[in-house]
Structure formats: C-alpha cells, structure tokens
Amino acid sequence: MGLHDDPSVREILILRTAAIRADLLCRGPDGTWPREPAIITEGDLALDSIGLRTPLAGLYRSTRLRRSPGS
C-alpha cells in the first residue's frame, strides 16, 4: 500500500532541496488526489490536516538556501 492508497493520509508535502519550494498534494473531499501539486515558493505553508501554518522560508533558515532579510 502506498501513501496515495492510505485513506488516513490527507496531505503529502515535498520540500525541495535545490530551491525554496514546496509541492503540496491535498486529498479532495471525495477522496481523490489532484493531478498536480500546489507549488509554494513564498509566504506561509499550511498543512490543514495537522493544524500547521509556518513561513516556508523558515523551514530553510539553517540551509544554504536561506533568504537574507529584505530579499
């Protein structure tokens, strides 16, 4: 059984390592997955299934991809 097949999985998040970018798949109310992920490159990342909202850039703050203030 893959993640897509487990009905308890509501969201799948992929954090990229070559750029500040998250790909987010969210299962629809009817249980289907979208064909393409939502692509997030700035602003907040929200994982509604676990009640998480955080700035995307903050997830990269200790990496070589961190953004300097004002960028």
PDB file of N, CA and C in Angstrom:
ATOM      1  N   MET A   1       0.845  -1.173   0.000  1.00  0.00           N
ATOM      2  CA  MET A   1       0.000   0.000   0.000  1.00  0.00           C
ATOM      3  C   MET A   1       0.891   1.238   0.000  1.00  0.00           C
ATOM      4  N   GLY A   2       0.630   2.157  -0.921  1.00  0.00           N
ATOM      5  CA  GLY A   2       1.369   3.410  -0.975  1.00  0.00           C
ATOM      6  C   GLY A   2       0.637   4.503  -0.217  1.00  0.00           C
ATOM      7  N   LEU A   3       1.304   5.623  -0.041  1.00  0.00           N
ATOM      8  CA  LEU A   3       0.686   6.750   0.661  1.00  0.00           C
ATOM      9  C   LEU A   3      -0.626   7.172   0.019  1.00  0.00           C
ATOM     10  N   HIS A   4      -0.670   7.155  -1.303  1.00  0.00           N
ATOM     11  CA  HIS A   4      -1.891   7.561  -2.008  1.00  0.00           C
ATOM     12  C   HIS A   4      -3.067   6.645  -1.685  1.00  0.00           C
ATOM     13  N   ASP A   5      -2.776   5.406  -1.315  1.00  0.00           N
ATOM     14  CA  ASP A   5      -3.829   4.431  -1.069  1.00  0.00           C
ATOM     15  C   ASP A   5      -4.338   4.446   0.370  1.00  0.00           C
ATOM     16  N   ASP A   6      -3.592   5.019   1.280  1.00  0.00           N
ATOM     17  CA  ASP A   6      -3.965   5.036   2.698  1.00  0.00           C
ATOM     18  C   ASP A   6      -4.984   6.148   2.930  1.00  0.00           C
ATOM     19  N   PRO A   7      -6.223   5.817   3.281  1.00  0.00           N
ATOM     20  CA  PRO A   7      -7.254   6.850   3.433  1.00  0.00           C
ATOM     21  C   PRO A   7      -6.992   7.826   4.581  1.00  0.00           C
ATOM     22  N   SER A   8      -6.107   7.479   5.497  1.00  0.00           N
ATOM     23  CA  SER A   8      -5.807   8.399   6.598  1.00  0.00           C
ATOM     24  C   SER A   8      -4.837   9.500   6.181  1.00  0.00           C
ATOM     25  N   VAL A   9      -4.169   9.335   5.039  1.00  0.00           N
ATOM     26  CA  VAL A   9      -3.244  10.356   4.537  1.00  0.00           C
ATOM     27  C   VAL A   9      -4.061  11.409   3.801  1.00  0.00           C
ATOM     28  N   ARG A  10      -4.006  12.640   4.300  1.00  0.00           N
ATOM     29  CA  ARG A  10      -4.782  13.742   3.715  1.00  0.00           C
ATOM     30  C   ARG A  10      -3.914  14.687   2.883  1.00  0.00           C
ATOM     31  N   GLU A  11      -2.641  14.777   3.235  1.00  0.00           N
ATOM     32  CA  GLU A  11      -1.727  15.686   2.536  1.00  0.00           C
ATOM     33  C   GLU A  11      -0.368  15.026   2.383  1.00  0.00           C
ATOM     34  N   ILE A  12       0.288  15.336   1.264  1.00  0.00           N
ATOM     35  CA  ILE A  12       1.653  14.882   1.031  1.00  0.00           C
ATOM     36  C   ILE A  12       2.468  16.126   0.694  1.00  0.00           C
ATOM     37  N   LEU A  13       3.538  16.347   1.461  1.00  0.00           N
ATOM     38  CA  LEU A  13       4.389  17.515   1.285  1.00  0.00           C
ATOM     39  C   LEU A  13       5.763  17.078   0.808  1.00  0.00           C
ATOM     40  N   ILE A  14       6.251  17.733  -0.232  1.00  0.00           N
ATOM     41  CA  ILE A  14       7.605  17.509  -0.724  1.00  0.00           C
ATOM     42  C   ILE A  14       8.341  18.829  -0.613  1.00  0.00           C
ATOM     43  N   LEU A  15       9.391  18.864   0.197  1.00  0.00           N
ATOM     44  CA  LEU A  15      10.239  20.057   0.305  1.00  0.00           C
ATOM     45  C   LEU A  15      11.427  19.868  -0.613  1.00  0.00           C
ATOM     46  N   ARG A  16      11.641  20.801  -1.485  1.00  0.00           N
ATOM     47  CA  ARG A  16      12.741  20.727  -2.442  1.00  0.00           C
ATOM     48  C   ARG A  16      14.058  21.113  -1.777  1.00  0.00           C
ATOM     49  N   THR A  17      15.152  20.600  -2.313  1.00  0.00           N
ATOM     50  CA  THR A  17      16.467  20.893  -1.747  1.00  0.00           C
ATOM     51  C   THR A  17      17.314  21.803  -2.625  1.00  0.00           C
ATOM     52  N   ALA A  18      16.901  22.015  -3.860  1.00  0.00           N
ATOM     53  CA  ALA A  18      17.668  22.869  -4.762  1.00  0.00           C
ATOM     54  C   ALA A  18      17.124  24.296  -4.811  1.00  0.00           C
ATOM     55  N   ALA A  19      15.954  24.509  -4.236  1.00  0.00           N
ATOM     56  CA  ALA A  19      15.317  25.831  -4.230  1.00  0.00           C
ATOM     57  C   ALA A  19      14.326  25.872  -3.079  1.00  0.00           C
ATOM     58  N   ILE A  20      13.974  27.075  -2.639  1.00  0.00           N
ATOM     59  CA  ILE A  20      12.928  27.206  -1.626  1.00  0.00           C
ATOM     60  C   ILE A  20      11.608  26.967  -2.337  1.00  0.00           C
ATOM     61  N   ARG A  21      11.105  25.762  -2.167  1.00  0.00           N
ATOM     62  CA  ARG A  21       9.891  25.355  -2.860  1.00  0.00           C
ATOM     63  C   ARG A  21       9.300  24.144  -2.170  1.00  0.00           C
ATOM     64  N   ALA A  22       7.983  24.176  -2.051  1.00  0.00           N
ATOM     65  CA  ALA A  22       7.247  23.032  -1.517  1.00  0.00           C
ATOM     66  C   ALA A  22       6.197  22.627  -2.533  1.00  0.00           C
ATOM     67  N   ASP A  23       6.057  21.345  -2.731  1.00  0.00           N
ATOM     68  CA  ASP A  23       4.988  20.791  -3.559  1.00  0.00           C
ATOM     69  C   ASP A  23       4.012  20.123  -2.591  1.00  0.00           C
ATOM     70  N   LEU A  24       2.752  20.513  -2.648  1.00  0.00           N
ATOM     71  CA  LEU A  24       1.765  20.016  -1.690  1.00  0.00           C
ATOM     72  C   LEU A  24       0.582  19.401  -2.423  1.00  0.00           C
ATOM     73  N   LEU A  25       0.330  18.149  -2.115  1.00  0.00           N
ATOM     74  CA  LEU A  25      -0.841  17.443  -2.622  1.00  0.00           C
ATOM     75  C   LEU A  25      -1.846  17.338  -1.482  1.00  0.00           C
ATOM     76  N   CYS A  26      -3.080  17.728  -1.744  1.00  0.00           N
ATOM     77  CA  CYS A  26      -4.136  17.651  -0.734  1.00  0.00           C
ATOM     78  C   CYS A  26      -5.288  16.814  -1.292  1.00  0.00           C
ATOM     79  N   ARG A  27      -5.652  15.794  -0.546  1.00  0.00           N
ATOM     80  CA  ARG A  27      -6.757  14.930  -0.959  1.00  0.00           C
ATOM     81  C   ARG A  27      -8.058  15.734  -0.925  1.00  0.00           C
ATOM     82  N   GLY A  28      -8.863  15.598  -1.951  1.00  0.00           N
ATOM     83  CA  GLY A  28     -10.138  16.302  -2.017  1.00  0.00           C
ATOM     84  C   GLY A  28     -11.171  15.677  -1.098  1.00  0.00           C
ATOM     85  N   PRO A  29     -12.297  16.366  -0.871  1.00  0.00           N
ATOM     86  CA  PRO A  29     -13.356  15.844  -0.006  1.00  0.00           C
ATOM     87  C   PRO A  29     -13.909  14.507  -0.484  1.00  0.00           C
ATOM     88  N   ASP A  30     -13.808  14.258  -1.782  1.00  0.00           N
ATOM     89  CA  ASP A  30     -14.293  12.989  -2.329  1.00  0.00           C
ATOM     90  C   ASP A  30     -13.241  11.883  -2.274  1.00  0.00           C
ATOM     91  N   GLY A  31     -12.056  12.185  -1.698  1.00  0.00           N
ATOM     92  CA  GLY A  31     -11.008  11.178  -1.545  1.00  0.00           C
ATOM     93  C   GLY A  31     -10.029  11.092  -2.697  1.00  0.00           C
ATOM     94  N   THR A  32     -10.191  11.928  -3.712  1.00  0.00           N
ATOM     95  CA  THR A  32      -9.291  11.882  -4.854  1.00  0.00           C
ATOM     96  C   THR A  32      -8.123  12.844  -4.664  1.00  0.00           C
ATOM     97  N   TRP A  33      -7.046  12.550  -5.360  1.00  0.00           N
ATOM     98  CA  TRP A  33      -5.854  13.386  -5.333  1.00  0.00           C
ATOM     99  C   TRP A  33      -5.824  14.252  -6.582  1.00  0.00           C
ATOM    100  N   PRO A  34      -5.288  15.469  -6.498  1.00  0.00           N
ATOM    101  CA  PRO A  34      -5.169  16.301  -7.697  1.00  0.00           C
ATOM    102  C   PRO A  34      -4.105  15.725  -8.634  1.00  0.00           C
ATOM    103  N   ARG A  35      -4.206  16.082  -9.898  1.00  0.00           N
ATOM    104  CA  ARG A  35      -3.208  15.629 -10.886  1.00  0.00           C
ATOM    105  C   ARG A  35      -1.855  16.276 -10.634  1.00  0.00           C
ATOM    106  N   GLU A  36      -1.868  17.527 -10.195  1.00  0.00           N
ATOM    107  CA  GLU A  36      -0.643  18.291  -9.979  1.00  0.00           C
ATOM    108  C   GLU A  36      -0.638  18.868  -8.565  1.00  0.00           C
ATOM    109  N   PRO A  37       0.540  18.976  -7.951  1.00  0.00           N
ATOM    110  CA  PRO A  37       0.605  19.568  -6.617  1.00  0.00           C
ATOM    111  C   PRO A  37       0.463  21.086  -6.660  1.00  0.00           C
ATOM    112  N   ALA A  38       0.074  21.654  -5.543  1.00  0.00           N
ATOM    113  CA  ALA A  38       0.154  23.105  -5.369  1.00  0.00           C
ATOM    114  C   ALA A  38       1.626  23.422  -5.157  1.00  0.00           C
ATOM    115  N   ILE A  39       2.137  24.417  -5.849  1.00  0.00           N
ATOM    116  CA  ILE A  39       3.544  24.790  -5.726  1.00  0.00           C
ATOM    117  C   ILE A  39       3.624  26.060  -4.901  1.00  0.00           C
ATOM    118  N   ILE A  40       4.383  25.988  -3.824  1.00  0.00           N
ATOM    119  CA  ILE A  40       4.526  27.120  -2.907  1.00  0.00           C
ATOM    120  C   ILE A  40       5.984  27.545  -2.911  1.00  0.00           C
ATOM    121  N   THR A  41       6.242  28.819  -3.215  1.00  0.00           N
ATOM    122  CA  THR A  41       7.611  29.320  -3.258  1.00  0.00           C
ATOM    123  C   THR A  41       7.842  30.490  -2.307  1.00  0.00           C
ATOM    124  N   GLU A  42       6.755  31.006  -1.715  1.00  0.00           N
ATOM    125  CA  GLU A  42       6.883  32.103  -0.757  1.00  0.00           C
ATOM    126  C   GLU A  42       5.643  32.134   0.126  1.00  0.00           C
ATOM    127  N   GLY A  43       5.719  32.917   1.181  1.00  0.00           N
ATOM    128  CA  GLY A  43       4.576  33.028   2.076  1.00  0.00           C
ATOM    129  C   GLY A  43       4.490  31.848   3.028  1.00  0.00           C
ATOM    130  N   ASP A  44       3.289  31.610   3.513  1.00  0.00           N
ATOM    131  CA  ASP A  44       3.072  30.556   4.504  1.00  0.00           C
ATOM    132  C   ASP A  44       2.787  29.214   3.852  1.00  0.00           C
ATOM    133  N   LEU A  45       3.230  28.180   4.534  1.00  0.00           N
ATOM    134  CA  LEU A  45       2.909  26.804   4.186  1.00  0.00           C
ATOM    135  C   LEU A  45       1.872  26.350   5.202  1.00  0.00           C
ATOM    136  N   ALA A  46       0.747  25.838   4.737  1.00  0.00           N
ATOM    137  CA  ALA A  46      -0.309  25.384   5.640  1.00  0.00           C
ATOM    138  C   ALA A  46      -0.582  23.903   5.405  1.00  0.00           C
ATOM    139  N   LEU A  47      -0.493  23.141   6.483  1.00  0.00           N
ATOM    140  CA  LEU A  47      -0.900  21.736   6.465  1.00  0.00           C
ATOM    141  C   LEU A  47      -2.132  21.637   7.351  1.00  0.00           C
ATOM    142  N   ASP A  48      -3.289  21.727   6.737  1.00  0.00           N
ATOM    143  CA  ASP A  48      -4.539  21.777   7.482  1.00  0.00           C
ATOM    144  C   ASP A  48      -4.801  20.502   8.272  1.00  0.00           C
ATOM    145  N   SER A  49      -4.339  19.362   7.772  1.00  0.00           N
ATOM    146  CA  SER A  49      -4.614  18.089   8.436  1.00  0.00           C
ATOM    147  C   SER A  49      -4.000  18.013   9.824  1.00  0.00           C
ATOM    148  N   ILE A  50      -2.945  18.800  10.069  1.00  0.00           N
ATOM    149  CA  ILE A  50      -2.313  18.782  11.399  1.00  0.00           C
ATOM    150  C   ILE A  50      -2.319  20.158  12.051  1.00  0.00           C
ATOM    151  N   GLY A  51      -3.023  21.109  11.432  1.00  0.00           N
ATOM    152  CA  GLY A  51      -3.129  22.441  12.016  1.00  0.00           C
ATOM    153  C   GLY A  51      -1.826  23.219  12.030  1.00  0.00           C
ATOM    154  N   LEU A  52      -0.995  23.028  11.020  1.00  0.00           N
ATOM    155  CA  LEU A  52       0.297  23.718  10.948  1.00  0.00           C
ATOM    156  C   LEU A  52       0.244  24.842   9.937  1.00  0.00           C
ATOM    157  N   ARG A  53       0.736  26.003  10.341  1.00  0.00           N
ATOM    158  CA  ARG A  53       0.930  27.136   9.432  1.00  0.00           C
ATOM    159  C   ARG A  53       2.261  27.758   9.823  1.00  0.00           C
ATOM    160  N   THR A  54       3.173  27.843   8.837  1.00  0.00           N
ATOM    161  CA  THR A  54       4.509  28.359   9.110  1.00  0.00           C
ATOM    162  C   THR A  54       5.064  29.010   7.848  1.00  0.00           C
ATOM    163  N   PRO A  55       5.917  30.014   8.002  1.00  0.00           N
ATOM    164  CA  PRO A  55       6.543  30.598   6.815  1.00  0.00           C
ATOM    165  C   PRO A  55       7.421  29.560   6.116  1.00  0.00           C
ATOM    166  N   LEU A  56       7.246  29.425   4.818  1.00  0.00           N
ATOM    167  CA  LEU A  56       8.044  28.466   4.057  1.00  0.00           C
ATOM    168  C   LEU A  56       9.533  28.758   4.209  1.00  0.00           C
ATOM    169  N   ALA A  57       9.929  30.015   4.109  1.00  0.00           N
ATOM    170  CA  ALA A  57      11.348  30.375   4.203  1.00  0.00           C
ATOM    171  C   ALA A  57      11.949  29.941   5.535  1.00  0.00           C
ATOM    172  N   GLY A  58      11.153  29.907   6.585  1.00  0.00           N
ATOM    173  CA  GLY A  58      11.647  29.492   7.894  1.00  0.00           C
ATOM    174  C   GLY A  58      12.110  28.043   7.929  1.00  0.00           C
ATOM    175  N   LEU A  59      11.547  27.220   7.067  1.00  0.00           N
ATOM    176  CA  LEU A  59      11.968  25.814   7.013  1.00  0.00           C
ATOM    177  C   LEU A  59      13.358  25.661   6.425  1.00  0.00           C
ATOM    178  N   TYR A  60      13.824  26.694   5.755  1.00  0.00           N
ATOM    179  CA  TYR A  60      15.129  26.678   5.108  1.00  0.00           C
ATOM    180  C   TYR A  60      16.156  27.545   5.843  1.00  0.00           C
ATOM    181  N   ARG A  61      15.819  28.058   7.010  1.00  0.00           N
ATOM    182  CA  ARG A  61      16.668  29.051   7.685  1.00  0.00           C
ATOM    183  C   ARG A  61      18.061  28.550   8.042  1.00  0.00           C
ATOM    184  N   SER A  62      18.247  27.255   8.208  1.00  0.00           N
ATOM    185  CA  SER A  62      19.581  26.739   8.544  1.00  0.00           C
ATOM    186  C   SER A  62      20.229  26.024   7.355  1.00  0.00           C
ATOM    187  N   THR A  63      19.792  26.388   6.141  1.00  0.00           N
ATOM    188  CA  THR A  63      20.360  25.773   4.943  1.00  0.00           C
ATOM    189  C   THR A  63      21.047  26.829   4.083  1.00  0.00           C
ATOM    190  N   ARG A  64      21.722  26.393   3.061  1.00  0.00           N
ATOM    191  CA  ARG A  64      22.380  27.324   2.143  1.00  0.00           C
ATOM    192  C   ARG A  64      21.373  28.136   1.341  1.00  0.00           C
ATOM    193  N   LEU A  65      20.114  27.734   1.366  1.00  0.00           N
ATOM    194  CA  LEU A  65      19.071  28.420   0.616  1.00  0.00           C
ATOM    195  C   LEU A  65      18.394  29.541   1.393  1.00  0.00           C
ATOM    196  N   ARG A  66      18.801  29.737   2.640  1.00  0.00           N
ATOM    197  CA  ARG A  66      18.128  30.756   3.460  1.00  0.00           C
ATOM    198  C   ARG A  66      18.136  32.105   2.761  1.00  0.00           C
ATOM    199  N   ARG A  67      17.104  32.836   2.994  1.00  0.00           N
ATOM    200  CA  ARG A  67      16.996  34.169   2.388  1.00  0.00           C
ATOM    201  C   ARG A  67      17.498  35.199   3.386  1.00  0.00           C
ATOM    202  N   SER A  68      18.215  36.166   2.870  1.00  0.00           N
ATOM    203  CA  SER A  68      18.668  37.234   3.741  1.00  0.00           C
ATOM    204  C   SER A  68      17.506  38.197   3.983  1.00  0.00           C
ATOM    205  N   PRO A  69      17.526  38.934   5.095  1.00  0.00           N
ATOM    206  CA  PRO A  69      16.452  39.889   5.369  1.00  0.00           C
ATOM    207  C   PRO A  69      16.298  40.863   4.207  1.00  0.00           C
ATOM    208  N   GLY A  70      15.047  41.109   3.831  1.00  0.00           N
ATOM    209  CA  GLY A  70      14.767  42.046   2.764  1.00  0.00           C
ATOM    210  C   GLY A  70      14.787  41.446   1.372  1.00  0.00           C
ATOM    211  N   SER A  71      15.109  40.146   1.258  1.00  0.00           N
ATOM    212  CA  SER A  71      15.132  39.553  -0.096  1.00  0.00           C
ATOM    213  C   SER A  71      13.869  38.797  -0.374  1.00  0.00           C
TER     214      SER A  71
END
